[in-house]
Amino acid sequence: MKVYLDTSVLVAASVAGHVHHSQASALLRQVRGEKLQGHVSAHGLAEFFAVLTRAPFTPPIYPSEAWQLLAENILPNFKIIALNAKQYRNVLQQSAKEGWTGGPIYDALHLAAAQSVGCDRIYTFNLRHFRQLALE
């Protein structure tokens, strides 16, 4: 089964003290064990790195540690989806048409990436934004 993990799930899987760590790390284990075919967007990788290095985790996660988590847990186990310029344009045009502002635009990019490769399921801990996008 093709699954897409958004940034919220990847961060939770990577931070032991995260409230959703056990759920997210179980999902990551399934991808690593090839029970699920994991997908992530190229912009999701950048979000992952940015969140890990800026969120107020204790202890803080330094850029070299964020890279190590990315290099060991995500890059070898996930197919990376890179949207092209037309796909970005379409998502932004749709965002303007629907009046979407702020963070949900990034979630719309996650959805576009998952749809572009036919993912069967999307995993996120940001349900509110994804549900809003799906309803509009």
N, C-alpha and C. Protein backbone atom coordinates (compact mmCIF):
# COMPACT_ATOMS: atom_id res chain seq x y z
N MET A 1 0.84 -1.18 0.00
CA MET A 1 0.00 0.00 0.00
C MET A 1 0.89 1.24 0.00
N LYS A 2 0.57 2.19 -0.86
CA LYS A 2 1.29 3.46 -0.93
C LYS A 2 0.74 4.41 0.12
N VAL A 3 1.62 4.90 0.98
CA VAL A 3 1.19 5.84 2.02
C VAL A 3 2.05 7.09 1.94
N TYR A 4 1.45 8.19 2.33
CA TYR A 4 2.13 9.48 2.37
C TYR A 4 2.16 9.94 3.81
N LEU A 5 3.34 10.30 4.30
CA LEU A 5 3.48 10.83 5.65
C LEU A 5 3.82 12.31 5.57
N ASP A 6 3.03 13.13 6.22
CA ASP A 6 3.35 14.55 6.19
C ASP A 6 4.35 14.88 7.29
N THR A 7 4.75 16.12 7.34
CA THR A 7 5.79 16.58 8.26
C THR A 7 5.44 16.29 9.71
N SER A 8 4.18 16.45 10.08
CA SER A 8 3.80 16.25 11.48
C SER A 8 4.08 14.82 11.94
N VAL A 9 3.90 13.87 11.07
CA VAL A 9 4.14 12.46 11.42
C VAL A 9 5.64 12.17 11.46
N LEU A 10 6.37 12.69 10.50
CA LEU A 10 7.82 12.45 10.46
C LEU A 10 8.53 13.08 11.66
N VAL A 11 8.09 14.26 12.06
CA VAL A 11 8.68 14.92 13.24
C VAL A 11 8.34 14.11 14.49
N ALA A 12 7.09 13.72 14.63
CA ALA A 12 6.69 12.95 15.81
C ALA A 12 7.46 11.63 15.91
N ALA A 13 7.71 11.00 14.78
CA ALA A 13 8.47 9.74 14.78
C ALA A 13 9.92 9.95 15.17
N SER A 14 10.42 11.15 14.98
CA SER A 14 11.84 11.44 15.20
C SER A 14 12.16 12.00 16.58
N VAL A 15 11.15 12.43 17.33
CA VAL A 15 11.36 13.07 18.62
C VAL A 15 10.72 12.21 19.71
N ALA A 16 11.56 11.56 20.51
CA ALA A 16 11.08 10.61 21.51
C ALA A 16 10.06 11.21 22.48
N GLY A 17 10.19 12.47 22.84
CA GLY A 17 9.28 13.09 23.78
C GLY A 17 8.01 13.65 23.17
N HIS A 18 7.84 13.51 21.87
CA HIS A 18 6.66 14.05 21.19
C HIS A 18 5.41 13.28 21.63
N VAL A 19 4.31 13.98 21.78
CA VAL A 19 3.06 13.38 22.25
C VAL A 19 2.57 12.25 21.33
N HIS A 20 2.88 12.31 20.05
CA HIS A 20 2.45 11.28 19.09
C HIS A 20 3.57 10.34 18.69
N HIS A 21 4.66 10.32 19.46
CA HIS A 21 5.83 9.53 19.06
C HIS A 21 5.52 8.04 18.88
N SER A 22 4.81 7.43 19.79
CA SER A 22 4.59 5.98 19.68
C SER A 22 3.80 5.64 18.43
N GLN A 23 2.76 6.40 18.11
CA GLN A 23 1.98 6.15 16.90
C GLN A 23 2.82 6.35 15.65
N ALA A 24 3.54 7.46 15.62
CA ALA A 24 4.32 7.80 14.43
C ALA A 24 5.49 6.85 14.22
N SER A 25 6.17 6.47 15.30
CA SER A 25 7.31 5.57 15.15
C SER A 25 6.85 4.18 14.73
N ALA A 26 5.66 3.75 15.14
CA ALA A 26 5.12 2.47 14.69
C ALA A 26 4.87 2.50 13.19
N LEU A 27 4.37 3.61 12.70
CA LEU A 27 4.15 3.77 11.27
C LEU A 27 5.48 3.79 10.50
N LEU A 28 6.45 4.49 11.05
CA LEU A 28 7.78 4.54 10.42
C LEU A 28 8.39 3.13 10.37
N ARG A 29 8.21 2.34 11.41
CA ARG A 29 8.72 0.96 11.41
C ARG A 29 8.08 0.14 10.29
N GLN A 30 6.80 0.37 10.03
CA GLN A 30 6.14 -0.36 8.95
C GLN A 30 6.72 0.02 7.58
N VAL A 31 7.04 1.29 7.42
CA VAL A 31 7.66 1.74 6.17
C VAL A 31 9.07 1.15 6.06
N ARG A 32 9.83 1.23 7.14
CA ARG A 32 11.20 0.68 7.13
C ARG A 32 11.19 -0.82 6.89
N GLY A 33 10.20 -1.51 7.40
CA GLY A 33 10.08 -2.96 7.21
C GLY A 33 9.43 -3.34 5.90
N GLU A 34 9.12 -2.34 5.08
CA GLU A 34 8.54 -2.50 3.74
C GLU A 34 7.14 -3.12 3.76
N LYS A 35 6.44 -2.98 4.88
CA LYS A 35 5.03 -3.39 4.93
C LYS A 35 4.17 -2.33 4.25
N LEU A 36 4.67 -1.10 4.26
CA LEU A 36 4.03 0.03 3.58
C LEU A 36 5.07 0.70 2.70
N GLN A 37 4.62 1.22 1.56
CA GLN A 37 5.52 1.96 0.66
C GLN A 37 5.38 3.45 0.99
N GLY A 38 6.39 4.00 1.66
CA GLY A 38 6.33 5.38 2.14
C GLY A 38 6.69 6.41 1.09
N HIS A 39 5.97 7.51 1.11
CA HIS A 39 6.21 8.65 0.22
C HIS A 39 6.24 9.93 1.04
N VAL A 40 7.05 10.86 0.59
CA VAL A 40 7.15 12.18 1.21
C VAL A 40 7.49 13.17 0.10
N SER A 41 7.03 14.39 0.24
CA SER A 41 7.34 15.39 -0.78
C SER A 41 8.69 16.03 -0.51
N ALA A 42 9.28 16.56 -1.56
CA ALA A 42 10.56 17.25 -1.42
C ALA A 42 10.41 18.43 -0.46
N HIS A 43 9.30 19.17 -0.57
CA HIS A 43 9.12 20.30 0.35
C HIS A 43 8.88 19.81 1.77
N GLY A 44 8.34 18.60 1.93
CA GLY A 44 8.16 18.01 3.24
C GLY A 44 9.48 17.74 3.94
N LEU A 45 10.50 17.40 3.15
CA LEU A 45 11.84 17.20 3.72
C LEU A 45 12.37 18.51 4.29
N ALA A 46 12.17 19.59 3.56
CA ALA A 46 12.62 20.91 4.04
C ALA A 46 11.84 21.32 5.29
N GLU A 47 10.53 21.08 5.30
CA GLU A 47 9.73 21.37 6.48
C GLU A 47 10.21 20.58 7.68
N PHE A 48 10.48 19.30 7.47
CA PHE A 48 10.98 18.42 8.53
C PHE A 48 12.24 19.02 9.16
N PHE A 49 13.19 19.38 8.33
CA PHE A 49 14.45 19.95 8.81
C PHE A 49 14.20 21.26 9.56
N ALA A 50 13.35 22.11 8.99
CA ALA A 50 13.06 23.41 9.60
C ALA A 50 12.39 23.26 10.96
N VAL A 51 11.40 22.37 11.05
CA VAL A 51 10.69 22.18 12.32
C VAL A 51 11.63 21.61 13.37
N LEU A 52 12.39 20.59 13.00
CA LEU A 52 13.29 19.99 13.99
C LEU A 52 14.29 20.99 14.55
N THR A 53 14.78 21.88 13.71
CA THR A 53 15.83 22.80 14.15
C THR A 53 15.29 24.09 14.78
N ARG A 54 13.98 24.34 14.70
CA ARG A 54 13.43 25.57 15.26
C ARG A 54 12.43 25.36 16.39
N ALA A 55 11.85 24.18 16.49
CA ALA A 55 10.86 23.92 17.54
C ALA A 55 11.56 23.89 18.90
N PRO A 56 10.84 24.27 19.95
CA PRO A 56 11.46 24.34 21.28
C PRO A 56 11.57 22.97 21.97
N PHE A 57 12.22 22.01 21.30
CA PHE A 57 12.42 20.70 21.90
C PHE A 57 13.50 20.78 22.96
N THR A 58 13.36 19.95 23.99
CA THR A 58 14.36 19.87 25.05
C THR A 58 14.87 18.45 25.10
N PRO A 59 16.13 18.25 24.81
CA PRO A 59 17.13 19.22 24.38
C PRO A 59 16.87 19.64 22.94
N PRO A 60 17.45 20.76 22.54
CA PRO A 60 17.25 21.22 21.16
C PRO A 60 17.88 20.25 20.17
N ILE A 61 17.34 20.26 18.95
CA ILE A 61 17.89 19.44 17.88
C ILE A 61 18.70 20.36 16.98
N TYR A 62 19.97 20.06 16.86
CA TYR A 62 20.88 20.88 16.06
C TYR A 62 20.84 20.44 14.60
N PRO A 63 21.22 21.32 13.69
CA PRO A 63 21.17 20.98 12.26
C PRO A 63 21.85 19.67 11.90
N SER A 64 22.99 19.37 12.49
CA SER A 64 23.67 18.11 12.18
C SER A 64 22.84 16.90 12.63
N GLU A 65 22.13 17.04 13.75
CA GLU A 65 21.26 15.95 14.23
C GLU A 65 20.03 15.80 13.35
N ALA A 66 19.47 16.93 12.91
CA ALA A 66 18.31 16.89 12.01
C ALA A 66 18.70 16.20 10.71
N TRP A 67 19.88 16.53 10.20
CA TRP A 67 20.35 15.88 8.98
C TRP A 67 20.52 14.38 9.20
N GLN A 68 21.08 13.99 10.32
CA GLN A 68 21.29 12.57 10.61
C GLN A 68 19.95 11.82 10.66
N LEU A 69 18.95 12.40 11.29
CA LEU A 69 17.62 11.78 11.34
C LEU A 69 17.04 11.64 9.93
N LEU A 70 17.20 12.68 9.14
CA LEU A 70 16.72 12.65 7.77
C LEU A 70 17.46 11.60 6.94
N ALA A 71 18.78 11.60 7.05
CA ALA A 71 19.61 10.70 6.25
C ALA A 71 19.44 9.23 6.63
N GLU A 72 19.19 8.96 7.89
CA GLU A 72 19.10 7.57 8.34
C GLU A 72 17.68 7.00 8.32
N ASN A 73 16.69 7.83 8.63
CA ASN A 73 15.34 7.31 8.79
C ASN A 73 14.39 7.58 7.62
N ILE A 74 14.64 8.65 6.89
CA ILE A 74 13.68 9.03 5.86
C ILE A 74 14.22 8.77 4.45
N LEU A 75 15.36 9.33 4.13
CA LEU A 75 15.86 9.23 2.76
C LEU A 75 15.99 7.79 2.25
N PRO A 76 16.49 6.85 3.04
CA PRO A 76 16.62 5.50 2.49
C PRO A 76 15.30 4.71 2.44
N ASN A 77 14.26 5.20 3.08
CA ASN A 77 13.04 4.43 3.24
C ASN A 77 11.82 4.99 2.52
N PHE A 78 11.92 6.19 2.01
CA PHE A 78 10.78 6.86 1.39
C PHE A 78 11.09 7.24 -0.05
N LYS A 79 10.06 7.20 -0.88
CA LYS A 79 10.17 7.74 -2.23
C LYS A 79 9.87 9.23 -2.12
N ILE A 80 10.73 10.04 -2.71
CA ILE A 80 10.57 11.48 -2.62
C ILE A 80 9.81 11.97 -3.86
N ILE A 81 8.76 12.73 -3.61
CA ILE A 81 7.92 13.28 -4.66
C ILE A 81 8.29 14.75 -4.85
N ALA A 82 8.72 15.10 -6.04
CA ALA A 82 9.04 16.50 -6.35
C ALA A 82 7.96 17.03 -7.30
N LEU A 83 7.20 17.99 -6.82
CA LEU A 83 6.20 18.62 -7.68
C LEU A 83 6.91 19.48 -8.71
N ASN A 84 6.35 19.56 -9.90
CA ASN A 84 6.94 20.42 -10.92
C ASN A 84 6.32 21.81 -10.84
N ALA A 85 6.81 22.71 -11.65
CA ALA A 85 6.35 24.10 -11.61
C ALA A 85 4.86 24.22 -11.89
N LYS A 86 4.34 23.44 -12.82
CA LYS A 86 2.91 23.49 -13.14
C LYS A 86 2.07 23.03 -11.96
N GLN A 87 2.52 22.00 -11.26
CA GLN A 87 1.78 21.51 -10.10
C GLN A 87 1.76 22.55 -8.99
N TYR A 88 2.90 23.21 -8.75
CA TYR A 88 2.92 24.29 -7.76
C TYR A 88 1.96 25.41 -8.15
N ARG A 89 2.00 25.78 -9.41
CA ARG A 89 1.13 26.84 -9.90
C ARG A 89 -0.33 26.47 -9.69
N ASN A 90 -0.70 25.23 -10.00
CA ASN A 90 -2.08 24.78 -9.84
C ASN A 90 -2.53 24.83 -8.38
N VAL A 91 -1.64 24.40 -7.47
CA VAL A 91 -1.99 24.44 -6.05
C VAL A 91 -2.17 25.88 -5.58
N LEU A 92 -1.29 26.77 -5.99
CA LEU A 92 -1.41 28.17 -5.58
C LEU A 92 -2.64 28.84 -6.20
N GLN A 93 -2.93 28.50 -7.45
CA GLN A 93 -4.13 29.04 -8.10
C GLN A 93 -5.39 28.56 -7.37
N GLN A 94 -5.43 27.28 -7.02
CA GLN A 94 -6.56 26.72 -6.28
C GLN A 94 -6.67 27.38 -4.90
N SER A 95 -5.52 27.61 -4.26
CA SER A 95 -5.51 28.28 -2.95
C SER A 95 -6.12 29.67 -3.05
N ALA A 96 -5.77 30.40 -4.10
CA ALA A 96 -6.32 31.74 -4.30
C ALA A 96 -7.83 31.67 -4.55
N LYS A 97 -8.23 30.73 -5.39
CA LYS A 97 -9.65 30.57 -5.72
C LYS A 97 -10.48 30.23 -4.48
N GLU A 98 -9.94 29.38 -3.61
CA GLU A 98 -10.67 28.95 -2.42
C GLU A 98 -10.50 29.89 -1.24
N GLY A 99 -9.57 30.85 -1.34
CA GLY A 99 -9.34 31.78 -0.25
C GLY A 99 -8.51 31.21 0.88
N TRP A 100 -7.72 30.18 0.59
CA TRP A 100 -6.87 29.57 1.61
C TRP A 100 -5.71 30.50 1.93
N THR A 101 -5.38 30.59 3.20
CA THR A 101 -4.26 31.43 3.62
C THR A 101 -3.38 30.67 4.61
N GLY A 102 -2.14 31.09 4.73
CA GLY A 102 -1.24 30.55 5.74
C GLY A 102 -0.87 29.10 5.54
N GLY A 103 -0.71 28.38 6.66
CA GLY A 103 -0.23 27.01 6.69
C GLY A 103 -0.97 26.00 5.84
N PRO A 104 -2.29 26.11 5.68
CA PRO A 104 -2.99 25.13 4.85
C PRO A 104 -2.47 25.05 3.41
N ILE A 105 -1.84 26.09 2.93
CA ILE A 105 -1.27 26.04 1.58
C ILE A 105 -0.20 24.96 1.51
N TYR A 106 0.60 24.83 2.55
CA TYR A 106 1.61 23.78 2.58
C TYR A 106 0.96 22.39 2.64
N ASP A 107 -0.15 22.31 3.34
CA ASP A 107 -0.88 21.05 3.39
C ASP A 107 -1.47 20.72 2.02
N ALA A 108 -1.91 21.74 1.30
CA ALA A 108 -2.41 21.52 -0.06
C ALA A 108 -1.29 20.97 -0.96
N LEU A 109 -0.06 21.43 -0.74
CA LEU A 109 1.07 20.88 -1.49
C LEU A 109 1.32 19.43 -1.12
N HIS A 110 1.18 19.09 0.16
CA HIS A 110 1.30 17.70 0.58
C HIS A 110 0.24 16.84 -0.14
N LEU A 111 -0.99 17.33 -0.16
CA LEU A 111 -2.06 16.59 -0.82
C LEU A 111 -1.78 16.40 -2.31
N ALA A 112 -1.32 17.46 -2.95
CA ALA A 112 -1.01 17.37 -4.38
C ALA A 112 0.09 16.34 -4.64
N ALA A 113 1.09 16.31 -3.78
CA ALA A 113 2.18 15.34 -3.94
C ALA A 113 1.65 13.92 -3.78
N ALA A 114 0.85 13.69 -2.75
CA ALA A 114 0.29 12.35 -2.52
C ALA A 114 -0.59 11.91 -3.68
N GLN A 115 -1.41 12.82 -4.17
CA GLN A 115 -2.29 12.50 -5.29
C GLN A 115 -1.51 12.22 -6.57
N SER A 116 -0.40 12.93 -6.75
CA SER A 116 0.36 12.80 -8.00
C SER A 116 0.94 11.41 -8.21
N VAL A 117 1.14 10.67 -7.14
CA VAL A 117 1.68 9.30 -7.27
C VAL A 117 0.66 8.24 -6.85
N GLY A 118 -0.58 8.66 -6.60
CA GLY A 118 -1.64 7.71 -6.29
C GLY A 118 -1.54 7.04 -4.93
N CYS A 119 -1.16 7.81 -3.92
CA CYS A 119 -1.10 7.23 -2.57
C CYS A 119 -2.49 6.79 -2.12
N ASP A 120 -2.53 5.66 -1.44
CA ASP A 120 -3.79 5.12 -0.94
C ASP A 120 -4.24 5.79 0.35
N ARG A 121 -3.27 6.28 1.13
CA ARG A 121 -3.56 6.86 2.43
C ARG A 121 -2.59 7.99 2.72
N ILE A 122 -3.09 9.00 3.43
CA ILE A 122 -2.25 10.10 3.90
C ILE A 122 -2.31 10.08 5.42
N TYR A 123 -1.13 10.13 6.05
CA TYR A 123 -1.06 10.18 7.50
C TYR A 123 -0.60 11.57 7.92
N THR A 124 -1.34 12.14 8.88
CA THR A 124 -1.03 13.46 9.41
C THR A 124 -1.58 13.56 10.83
N PHE A 125 -0.99 14.44 11.62
CA PHE A 125 -1.56 14.79 12.92
C PHE A 125 -2.20 16.17 12.83
N ASN A 126 -2.28 16.70 11.63
CA ASN A 126 -2.87 18.01 11.38
C ASN A 126 -4.21 17.81 10.66
N LEU A 127 -5.08 17.06 11.27
CA LEU A 127 -6.33 16.67 10.63
C LEU A 127 -7.22 17.85 10.25
N ARG A 128 -7.25 18.86 11.09
CA ARG A 128 -8.15 19.99 10.84
C ARG A 128 -7.89 20.62 9.48
N HIS A 129 -6.62 20.92 9.17
CA HIS A 129 -6.29 21.54 7.88
C HIS A 129 -6.60 20.60 6.72
N PHE A 130 -6.24 19.34 6.85
CA PHE A 130 -6.46 18.40 5.75
C PHE A 130 -7.96 18.20 5.50
N ARG A 131 -8.74 18.13 6.56
CA ARG A 131 -10.20 17.99 6.38
C ARG A 131 -10.79 19.22 5.70
N GLN A 132 -10.33 20.41 6.10
CA GLN A 132 -10.81 21.64 5.46
C GLN A 132 -10.51 21.61 3.96
N LEU A 133 -9.31 21.22 3.61
CA LEU A 133 -8.92 21.18 2.21
C LEU A 133 -9.73 20.15 1.44
N ALA A 134 -10.00 19.02 2.05
CA ALA A 134 -10.75 17.96 1.38
C ALA A 134 -12.21 18.34 1.14
N LEU A 135 -12.75 19.17 2.01
CA LEU A 135 -14.15 19.57 1.89
C LEU A 135 -14.36 20.68 0.87
N GLU A 136 -13.31 21.39 0.55
CA GLU A 136 -13.48 22.54 -0.36
C GLU A 136 -13.17 22.18 -1.78
